[in-house]
């Protein structure tokens, strides 16, 4: 009977894992990944309203534009 580790190994015999990992560098792309990644988890009600990343981005850009509009003030003269 084969050992448990041999039974679970489904790597083809022609692939030598030690040779494949010989020149590998752990975390080689980690910094680049961190710089370009900003994940935000949406609540389910928001995910239903904004099904794509483009829809979320468009809505957030609209909120930013609206926040730059000065608040309207009542400029009507007061009556006494």
PDB file of N, CA and C in Angstrom:
ATOM      1  N   UNK A   1       0.831  -1.178   0.000  1.00  0.00           N
ATOM      2  CA  UNK A   1       0.000   0.000   0.000  1.00  0.00           C
ATOM      3  C   UNK A   1       0.881   1.248   0.000  1.00  0.00           C
ATOM      4  N   UNK A   2       0.472   2.283  -0.762  1.00  0.00           N
ATOM      5  CA  UNK A   2       1.246   3.516  -0.851  1.00  0.00           C
ATOM      6  C   UNK A   2       1.032   4.379   0.381  1.00  0.00           C
ATOM      7  N   UNK A   3       2.030   5.199   0.671  1.00  0.00           N
ATOM      8  CA  UNK A   3       1.895   6.139   1.774  1.00  0.00           C
ATOM      9  C   UNK A   3       0.835   7.171   1.429  1.00  0.00           C
ATOM     10  N   UNK A   4       0.267   7.780   2.438  1.00  0.00           N
ATOM     11  CA  UNK A   4      -0.797   8.754   2.249  1.00  0.00           C
ATOM     12  C   UNK A   4      -0.348   9.929   1.379  1.00  0.00           C
ATOM     13  N   UNK A   5       0.884  10.403   1.568  1.00  0.00           N
ATOM     14  CA  UNK A   5       1.370  11.548   0.784  1.00  0.00           C
ATOM     15  C   UNK A   5       1.516  11.182  -0.694  1.00  0.00           C
ATOM     16  N   UNK A   6       1.884   9.951  -0.986  1.00  0.00           N
ATOM     17  CA  UNK A   6       2.010   9.515  -2.375  1.00  0.00           C
ATOM     18  C   UNK A   6       0.645   9.383  -3.036  1.00  0.00           C
ATOM     19  N   UNK A   7      -0.341   8.969  -2.282  1.00  0.00           N
ATOM     20  CA  UNK A   7      -1.679   8.795  -2.825  1.00  0.00           C
ATOM     21  C   UNK A   7      -2.327  10.136  -3.166  1.00  0.00           C
ATOM     22  N   UNK A   8      -2.042  11.155  -2.369  1.00  0.00           N
ATOM     23  CA  UNK A   8      -2.642  12.467  -2.570  1.00  0.00           C
ATOM     24  C   UNK A   8      -1.938  13.283  -3.643  1.00  0.00           C
ATOM     25  N   UNK A   9      -0.758  12.857  -4.054  1.00  0.00           N
ATOM     26  CA  UNK A   9       0.037  13.603  -5.021  1.00  0.00           C
ATOM     27  C   UNK A   9      -0.489  13.353  -6.428  1.00  0.00           C
ATOM     28  N   UNK A  10      -1.057  14.409  -7.051  1.00  0.00           N
ATOM     29  CA  UNK A  10      -1.570  14.248  -8.407  1.00  0.00           C
ATOM     30  C   UNK A  10      -0.701  14.979  -9.432  1.00  0.00           C
ATOM     31  N   UNK A  11       0.514  15.365  -9.014  1.00  0.00           N
ATOM     32  CA  UNK A  11       1.452  16.017  -9.911  1.00  0.00           C
ATOM     33  C   UNK A  11       2.012  14.989 -10.879  1.00  0.00           C
ATOM     34  N   UNK A  12       2.078  15.348 -12.134  1.00  0.00           N
ATOM     35  CA  UNK A  12       2.600  14.420 -13.144  1.00  0.00           C
ATOM     36  C   UNK A  12       4.058  14.076 -12.846  1.00  0.00           C
ATOM     37  N   UNK A  13       4.442  12.855 -13.149  1.00  0.00           N
ATOM     38  CA  UNK A  13       5.807  12.420 -12.836  1.00  0.00           C
ATOM     39  C   UNK A  13       6.886  13.251 -13.537  1.00  0.00           C
ATOM     40  N   UNK A  14       6.570  13.812 -14.704  1.00  0.00           N
ATOM     41  CA  UNK A  14       7.600  14.573 -15.424  1.00  0.00           C
ATOM     42  C   UNK A  14       7.879  15.953 -14.814  1.00  0.00           C
ATOM     43  N   UNK A  15       7.039  16.371 -13.874  1.00  0.00           N
ATOM     44  CA  UNK A  15       7.263  17.649 -13.206  1.00  0.00           C
ATOM     45  C   UNK A  15       7.997  17.400 -11.903  1.00  0.00           C
ATOM     46  N   UNK A  16       9.121  18.032 -11.765  1.00  0.00           N
ATOM     47  CA  UNK A  16       9.896  17.941 -10.530  1.00  0.00           C
ATOM     48  C   UNK A  16       9.664  19.232  -9.758  1.00  0.00           C
ATOM     49  N   UNK A  17       8.910  19.157  -8.677  1.00  0.00           N
ATOM     50  CA  UNK A  17       8.531  20.350  -7.928  1.00  0.00           C
ATOM     51  C   UNK A  17       9.745  21.108  -7.397  1.00  0.00           C
ATOM     52  N   UNK A  18      10.776  20.383  -7.006  1.00  0.00           N
ATOM     53  CA  UNK A  18      11.981  21.052  -6.502  1.00  0.00           C
ATOM     54  C   UNK A  18      12.652  21.865  -7.609  1.00  0.00           C
ATOM     55  N   UNK A  19      12.646  21.351  -8.806  1.00  0.00           N
ATOM     56  CA  UNK A  19      13.233  22.075  -9.941  1.00  0.00           C
ATOM     57  C   UNK A  19      12.368  23.291 -10.304  1.00  0.00           C
ATOM     58  N   UNK A  20      11.049  23.129 -10.243  1.00  0.00           N
ATOM     59  CA  UNK A  20      10.147  24.234 -10.578  1.00  0.00           C
ATOM     60  C   UNK A  20      10.275  25.387  -9.589  1.00  0.00           C
ATOM     61  N   UNK A  21      10.480  25.066  -8.318  1.00  0.00           N
ATOM     62  CA  UNK A  21      10.559  26.095  -7.280  1.00  0.00           C
ATOM     63  C   UNK A  21      11.977  26.579  -7.009  1.00  0.00           C
ATOM     64  N   UNK A  22      12.925  26.028  -7.736  1.00  0.00           N
ATOM     65  CA  UNK A  22      14.338  26.325  -7.497  1.00  0.00           C
ATOM     66  C   UNK A  22      14.644  27.828  -7.592  1.00  0.00           C
ATOM     67  N   UNK A  23      14.107  28.498  -8.592  1.00  0.00           N
ATOM     68  CA  UNK A  23      14.413  29.914  -8.801  1.00  0.00           C
ATOM     69  C   UNK A  23      13.271  30.830  -8.381  1.00  0.00           C
ATOM     70  N   UNK A  24      12.309  30.310  -7.672  1.00  0.00           N
ATOM     71  CA  UNK A  24      11.165  31.130  -7.278  1.00  0.00           C
ATOM     72  C   UNK A  24      11.545  32.068  -6.134  1.00  0.00           C
ATOM     73  N   UNK A  25      10.850  33.187  -6.073  1.00  0.00           N
ATOM     74  CA  UNK A  25      11.078  34.181  -5.037  1.00  0.00           C
ATOM     75  C   UNK A  25       9.751  34.412  -4.332  1.00  0.00           C
ATOM     76  N   UNK A  26       9.720  34.174  -3.053  1.00  0.00           N
ATOM     77  CA  UNK A  26       8.491  34.352  -2.286  1.00  0.00           C
ATOM     78  C   UNK A  26       8.145  35.842  -2.187  1.00  0.00           C
ATOM     79  N   UNK A  27       6.921  36.183  -2.527  1.00  0.00           N
ATOM     80  CA  UNK A  27       6.458  37.557  -2.416  1.00  0.00           C
ATOM     81  C   UNK A  27       7.003  38.484  -3.486  1.00  0.00           C
ATOM     82  N   UNK A  28       7.395  37.954  -4.611  1.00  0.00           N
ATOM     83  CA  UNK A  28       8.027  38.736  -5.665  1.00  0.00           C
ATOM     84  C   UNK A  28       7.146  39.897  -6.130  1.00  0.00           C
ATOM     85  N   UNK A  29       5.855  39.664  -6.218  1.00  0.00           N
ATOM     86  CA  UNK A  29       4.942  40.689  -6.711  1.00  0.00           C
ATOM     87  C   UNK A  29       4.072  41.279  -5.605  1.00  0.00           C
ATOM     88  N   UNK A  30       4.376  41.009  -4.358  1.00  0.00           N
ATOM     89  CA  UNK A  30       3.528  41.445  -3.245  1.00  0.00           C
ATOM     90  C   UNK A  30       3.413  42.961  -3.162  1.00  0.00           C
ATOM     91  N   UNK A  31       4.513  43.677  -3.305  1.00  0.00           N
ATOM     92  CA  UNK A  31       4.468  45.138  -3.202  1.00  0.00           C
ATOM     93  C   UNK A  31       3.647  45.736  -4.333  1.00  0.00           C
ATOM     94  N   UNK A  32       3.832  45.259  -5.551  1.00  0.00           N
ATOM     95  CA  UNK A  32       3.069  45.766  -6.687  1.00  0.00           C
ATOM     96  C   UNK A  32       1.581  45.467  -6.493  1.00  0.00           C
ATOM     97  N   UNK A  33       1.279  44.302  -5.957  1.00  0.00           N
ATOM     98  CA  UNK A  33      -0.109  43.921  -5.700  1.00  0.00           C
ATOM     99  C   UNK A  33      -0.735  44.852  -4.662  1.00  0.00           C
ATOM    100  N   UNK A  34      -0.008  45.119  -3.581  1.00  0.00           N
ATOM    101  CA  UNK A  34      -0.524  45.996  -2.532  1.00  0.00           C
ATOM    102  C   UNK A  34      -0.749  47.417  -3.030  1.00  0.00           C
ATOM    103  N   UNK A  35       0.113  47.895  -3.899  1.00  0.00           N
ATOM    104  CA  UNK A  35      -0.011  49.260  -4.403  1.00  0.00           C
ATOM    105  C   UNK A  35      -1.243  49.435  -5.284  1.00  0.00           C
ATOM    106  N   UNK A  36      -1.613  48.402  -6.006  1.00  0.00           N
ATOM    107  CA  UNK A  36      -2.715  48.528  -6.944  1.00  0.00           C
ATOM    108  C   UNK A  36      -4.012  47.919  -6.475  1.00  0.00           C
ATOM    109  N   UNK A  37      -4.077  47.554  -5.211  1.00  0.00           N
ATOM    110  CA  UNK A  37      -5.265  46.873  -4.730  1.00  0.00           C
ATOM    111  C   UNK A  37      -5.937  47.681  -3.639  1.00  0.00           C
ATOM    112  N   UNK A  38      -7.226  47.923  -3.839  1.00  0.00           N
ATOM    113  CA  UNK A  38      -8.019  48.592  -2.828  1.00  0.00           C
ATOM    114  C   UNK A  38      -9.405  47.965  -2.885  1.00  0.00           C
ATOM    115  N   UNK A  39      -9.584  46.915  -2.142  1.00  0.00           N
ATOM    116  CA  UNK A  39     -10.842  46.190  -2.178  1.00  0.00           C
ATOM    117  C   UNK A  39     -11.791  46.737  -1.126  1.00  0.00           C
ATOM    118  N   UNK A  40     -13.050  46.858  -1.507  1.00  0.00           N
ATOM    119  CA  UNK A  40     -14.082  47.291  -0.595  1.00  0.00           C
ATOM    120  C   UNK A  40     -15.238  46.319  -0.713  1.00  0.00           C
ATOM    121  N   UNK A  41     -15.719  45.837   0.402  1.00  0.00           N
ATOM    122  CA  UNK A  41     -16.834  44.903   0.406  1.00  0.00           C
ATOM    123  C   UNK A  41     -18.133  45.690   0.533  1.00  0.00           C
ATOM    124  N   UNK A  42     -19.006  45.538  -0.461  1.00  0.00           N
ATOM    125  CA  UNK A  42     -20.294  46.224  -0.445  1.00  0.00           C
ATOM    126  C   UNK A  42     -21.327  45.386   0.281  1.00  0.00           C
ATOM    127  N   UNK A  43     -22.221  46.059   0.987  1.00  0.00           N
ATOM    128  CA  UNK A  43     -23.364  45.357   1.566  1.00  0.00           C
ATOM    129  C   UNK A  43     -24.237  44.852   0.428  1.00  0.00           C
ATOM    130  N   UNK A  44     -25.029  43.845   0.720  1.00  0.00           N
ATOM    131  CA  UNK A  44     -25.801  43.184  -0.338  1.00  0.00           C
ATOM    132  C   UNK A  44     -26.771  44.133  -1.039  1.00  0.00           C
ATOM    133  N   UNK A  45     -27.382  45.075  -0.299  1.00  0.00           N
ATOM    134  CA  UNK A  45     -28.309  46.001  -0.947  1.00  0.00           C
ATOM    135  C   UNK A  45     -27.589  46.920  -1.925  1.00  0.00           C
ATOM    136  N   UNK A  46     -26.362  47.306  -1.601  1.00  0.00           N
ATOM    137  CA  UNK A  46     -25.580  48.143  -2.512  1.00  0.00           C
ATOM    138  C   UNK A  46     -25.067  47.335  -3.693  1.00  0.00           C
ATOM    139  N   UNK A  47     -24.693  46.109  -3.454  1.00  0.00           N
ATOM    140  CA  UNK A  47     -24.222  45.254  -4.544  1.00  0.00           C
ATOM    141  C   UNK A  47     -25.339  45.019  -5.555  1.00  0.00           C
ATOM    142  N   UNK A  48     -26.582  44.937  -5.086  1.00  0.00           N
ATOM    143  CA  UNK A  48     -27.711  44.792  -6.003  1.00  0.00           C
ATOM    144  C   UNK A  48     -27.900  46.046  -6.840  1.00  0.00           C
ATOM    145  N   UNK A  49     -27.708  47.223  -6.215  1.00  0.00           N
ATOM    146  CA  UNK A  49     -27.901  48.488  -6.920  1.00  0.00           C
ATOM    147  C   UNK A  49     -26.750  48.802  -7.872  1.00  0.00           C
ATOM    148  N   UNK A  50     -25.555  48.363  -7.524  1.00  0.00           N
ATOM    149  CA  UNK A  50     -24.364  48.639  -8.323  1.00  0.00           C
ATOM    150  C   UNK A  50     -23.683  47.316  -8.667  1.00  0.00           C
ATOM    151  N   UNK A  51     -24.122  46.651  -9.705  1.00  0.00           N
ATOM    152  CA  UNK A  51     -23.625  45.305 -10.000  1.00  0.00           C
ATOM    153  C   UNK A  51     -22.215  45.239 -10.566  1.00  0.00           C
ATOM    154  N   UNK A  52     -21.665  46.357 -11.022  1.00  0.00           N
ATOM    155  CA  UNK A  52     -20.321  46.327 -11.596  1.00  0.00           C
ATOM    156  C   UNK A  52     -19.437  47.381 -10.938  1.00  0.00           C
ATOM    157  N   UNK A  53     -18.135  47.203 -11.071  1.00  0.00           N
ATOM    158  CA  UNK A  53     -17.193  48.179 -10.532  1.00  0.00           C
ATOM    159  C   UNK A  53     -17.369  49.535 -11.220  1.00  0.00           C
ATOM    160  N   UNK A  54     -17.684  49.507 -12.503  1.00  0.00           N
ATOM    161  CA  UNK A  54     -17.890  50.764 -13.233  1.00  0.00           C
ATOM    162  C   UNK A  54     -19.078  51.533 -12.672  1.00  0.00           C
ATOM    163  N   UNK A  55     -20.143  50.831 -12.312  1.00  0.00           N
ATOM    164  CA  UNK A  55     -21.334  51.487 -11.743  1.00  0.00           C
ATOM    165  C   UNK A  55     -21.002  52.120 -10.401  1.00  0.00           C
ATOM    166  N   UNK A  56     -20.236  51.443  -9.585  1.00  0.00           N
ATOM    167  CA  UNK A  56     -19.830  51.995  -8.285  1.00  0.00           C
ATOM    168  C   UNK A  56     -18.961  53.225  -8.497  1.00  0.00           C
ATOM    169  N   UNK A  57     -17.985  53.131  -9.393  1.00  0.00           N
ATOM    170  CA  UNK A  57     -17.094  54.260  -9.645  1.00  0.00           C
ATOM    171  C   UNK A  57     -17.858  55.471 -10.172  1.00  0.00           C
ATOM    172  N   UNK A  58     -18.784  55.249 -11.074  1.00  0.00           N
ATOM    173  CA  UNK A  58     -19.576  56.353 -11.617  1.00  0.00           C
ATOM    174  C   UNK A  58     -20.398  57.025 -10.522  1.00  0.00           C
ATOM    175  N   UNK A  59     -21.006  56.240  -9.658  1.00  0.00           N
ATOM    176  CA  UNK A  59     -21.803  56.807  -8.569  1.00  0.00           C
ATOM    177  C   UNK A  59     -20.933  57.593  -7.598  1.00  0.00           C
ATOM    178  N   UNK A  60     -19.772  57.076  -7.275  1.00  0.00           N
ATOM    179  CA  UNK A  60     -18.881  57.786  -6.356  1.00  0.00           C
ATOM    180  C   UNK A  60     -18.343  59.068  -6.967  1.00  0.00           C
ATOM    181  N   UNK A  61     -18.066  59.060  -8.262  1.00  0.00           N
ATOM    182  CA  UNK A  61     -17.612  60.290  -8.918  1.00  0.00           C
ATOM    183  C   UNK A  61     -18.716  61.349  -8.910  1.00  0.00           C
ATOM    184  N   UNK A  62     -19.957  60.918  -9.079  1.00  0.00           N
ATOM    185  CA  UNK A  62     -21.088  61.844  -9.010  1.00  0.00           C
ATOM    186  C   UNK A  62     -21.202  62.434  -7.610  1.00  0.00           C
ATOM    187  N   UNK A  63     -21.040  61.634  -6.592  1.00  0.00           N
ATOM    188  CA  UNK A  63     -21.085  62.129  -5.214  1.00  0.00           C
ATOM    189  C   UNK A  63     -19.987  63.164  -4.993  1.00  0.00           C
ATOM    190  N   UNK A  64     -18.801  62.910  -5.512  1.00  0.00           N
ATOM    191  CA  UNK A  64     -17.703  63.876  -5.376  1.00  0.00           C
ATOM    192  C   UNK A  64     -18.022  65.188  -6.074  1.00  0.00           C
ATOM    193  N   UNK A  65     -18.576  65.095  -7.294  1.00  0.00           N
ATOM    194  CA  UNK A  65     -18.933  66.326  -8.015  1.00  0.00           C
ATOM    195  C   UNK A  65     -20.014  67.096  -7.264  1.00  0.00           C
ATOM    196  N   UNK A  66     -20.986  66.395  -6.733  1.00  0.00           N
ATOM    197  CA  UNK A  66     -22.067  67.058  -6.001  1.00  0.00           C
ATOM    198  C   UNK A  66     -21.569  67.685  -4.703  1.00  0.00           C
ATOM    199  N   UNK A  67     -20.583  67.098  -4.098  1.00  0.00           N
ATOM    200  CA  UNK A  67     -20.062  67.654  -2.844  1.00  0.00           C
ATOM    201  C   UNK A  67     -19.303  68.954  -3.072  1.00  0.00           C
ATOM    202  N   UNK A  68     -18.887  69.216  -4.295  1.00  0.00           N
ATOM    203  CA  UNK A  68     -18.157  70.454  -4.612  1.00  0.00           C
ATOM    204  C   UNK A  68     -19.094  71.600  -4.973  1.00  0.00           C
ATOM    205  N   UNK A  69     -20.381  71.326  -5.133  1.00  0.00           N
ATOM    206  CA  UNK A  69     -21.354  72.384  -5.446  1.00  0.00           C
ATOM    207  C   UNK A  69     -21.674  73.106  -4.147  1.00  0.00           C
ATOM    208  N   UNK A  70     -21.524  74.432  -4.153  1.00  0.00           N
ATOM    209  CA  UNK A  70     -21.818  75.170  -2.917  1.00  0.00           C
ATOM    210  C   UNK A  70     -23.296  75.048  -2.563  1.00  0.00           C
ATOM    211  N   UNK A  71     -23.547  75.048  -1.280  1.00  0.00           N
ATOM    212  CA  UNK A  71     -24.931  74.956  -0.814  1.00  0.00           C
ATOM    213  C   UNK A  71     -25.681  76.211  -1.210  1.00  0.00           C
ATOM    214  N   UNK A  72     -26.894  76.046  -1.688  1.00  0.00           N
ATOM    215  CA  UNK A  72     -27.724  77.189  -2.074  1.00  0.00           C
ATOM    216  C   UNK A  72     -28.193  77.892  -0.809  1.00  0.00           C
ATOM    217  N   UNK A  73     -28.071  79.205  -0.814  1.00  0.00           N
ATOM    218  CA  UNK A  73     -28.552  79.983   0.329  1.00  0.00           C
ATOM    219  C   UNK A  73     -29.767  80.771  -0.102  1.00  0.00           C
ATOM    220  N   UNK A  74     -30.611  81.081   0.814  1.00  0.00           N
ATOM    221  CA  UNK A  74     -31.834  81.834   0.526  1.00  0.00           C
ATOM    222  C   UNK A  74     -31.455  83.293   0.370  1.00  0.00           C
ATOM    223  N   UNK A  75     -31.505  83.821  -0.863  1.00  0.00           N
ATOM    224  CA  UNK A  75     -31.089  85.197  -1.133  1.00  0.00           C
ATOM    225  C   UNK A  75     -32.272  86.141  -1.295  1.00  0.00           C
ATOM    226  N   UNK A  76     -33.480  85.621  -1.000  1.00  0.00           N
ATOM    227  CA  UNK A  76     -34.643  86.487  -1.121  1.00  0.00           C
ATOM    228  C   UNK A  76     -34.654  87.476   0.034  1.00  0.00           C
ATOM    229  N   UNK A  77     -35.068  88.679  -0.258  1.00  0.00           N
ATOM    230  CA  UNK A  77     -35.132  89.663   0.827  1.00  0.00           C
ATOM    231  C   UNK A  77     -36.220  89.264   1.824  1.00  0.00           C
ATOM    232  N   UNK A  78     -35.942  89.544   3.034  1.00  0.00           N
ATOM    233  CA  UNK A  78     -36.917  89.227   4.071  1.00  0.00           C
ATOM    234  C   UNK A  78     -37.980  90.328   4.117  1.00  0.00           C
ATOM    235  N   UNK A  79     -39.199  89.963   4.362  1.00  0.00           N
ATOM    236  CA  UNK A  79     -40.274  90.948   4.479  1.00  0.00           C
ATOM    237  C   UNK A  79     -40.583  91.165   5.940  1.00  0.00           C
ATOM    238  N   UNK A  80     -40.813  92.422   6.258  1.00  0.00           N
ATOM    239  CA  UNK A  80     -41.114  92.740   7.655  1.00  0.00           C
ATOM    240  C   UNK A  80     -42.484  93.330   7.798  1.00  0.00           C
TER     241      UNK A  80
END
